[in-house]
Amino acid sequence: MNLTDRIVVVTGGAGGIGAALSRRFAAEGAAAVVIADLNADAAQAVADGIGPVAHATALDVTDEAQVRALVDDTERRFGRIDLFCANAGVTTGGGVEIDDAAWDRAWRVNVLAHVYSTRAVLPGMLARGGGHLLHTCSAAGVLTAVGDAAYTATKHASVGFAEWLAITYRDRGIRVSALCPQGVDTPMLADGIRDGHLGARVIEASGAVLTPDQVADAAIAGLAEERFLILPHPEVADYARRRAEDPDGWQAGLRKLVRRLTA
């Protein structure tokens, strides 16, 4: 995808990866970047920092009516949506013991929000014969988020949904990419480290922690090549191969790491 003169929507755009993506899309020449976030003031601050091509709006990605209204409003104002980035995400920091409300929130933000945005934006893209969906899924959707059961399960589901979309709609002009970073220097990771969450400590010990801008760089490269799986941490591909070839050995290695961190 060449981003020049494109119309782009980014959910979860008020900070972290979403803000970095928004800035980079504008720098690449997008005609409009719509920054949608539950925190409208923070989204506006990002838009103000970008300039006239950026437009901020409040959005609860778990409310399908709001998502559809966002898509309708964007298409009405700009004529189309070329790239929709379903980027919002949440962690829990817990295992099977977390309550149903936390499981439900993870499911609604990390999976159903992708379904809602796809339902809303896909008809217009199909009618025009093209479009790109970028879903932020996390390396947890390819591997495992140690210490966070709901995040692991929902991110695996989000990768699976993205793959289904890619298989189903590629021949109709729709490109789909799953952005799967590992450790990223965002409040999500920083808060987990501060609170002593096992998953955050495992990420911190597992390799490089990238900046959101580095993740945005990888996303731009992956979109340009129309890759399905975009891995800002190239080592994730090696981990995935090892996991597939020797699942018992892979799990044993993670258990060893957990024992070391919790000793």
Foldseek 3Di string as FASTA:
>chain_A
DQLAQAAEEFEVLLDFLNLLLQLVSVVSHHQAYEYEYQPQVSQVVSQVVNDDRYHYDYDDLLDLVRLLVVQVVSCVVRVAHAEYELEDAAFDLADPPDDPVVLVVRQSNLPVSLVSNCVRRVVRQLVVQAHEYEYAQALLLLPNQPRTHSSNVSSVNRLVVQVVCCVPCVVSHYFYAYQYEQAEPTVNLVVCVVVVRLSSVCSVVPDDHYYSNLSSVQVVVCVVVSHHYGYSPVCSVVLSVCCVVCVVVSVVVVVVVSVVVVD
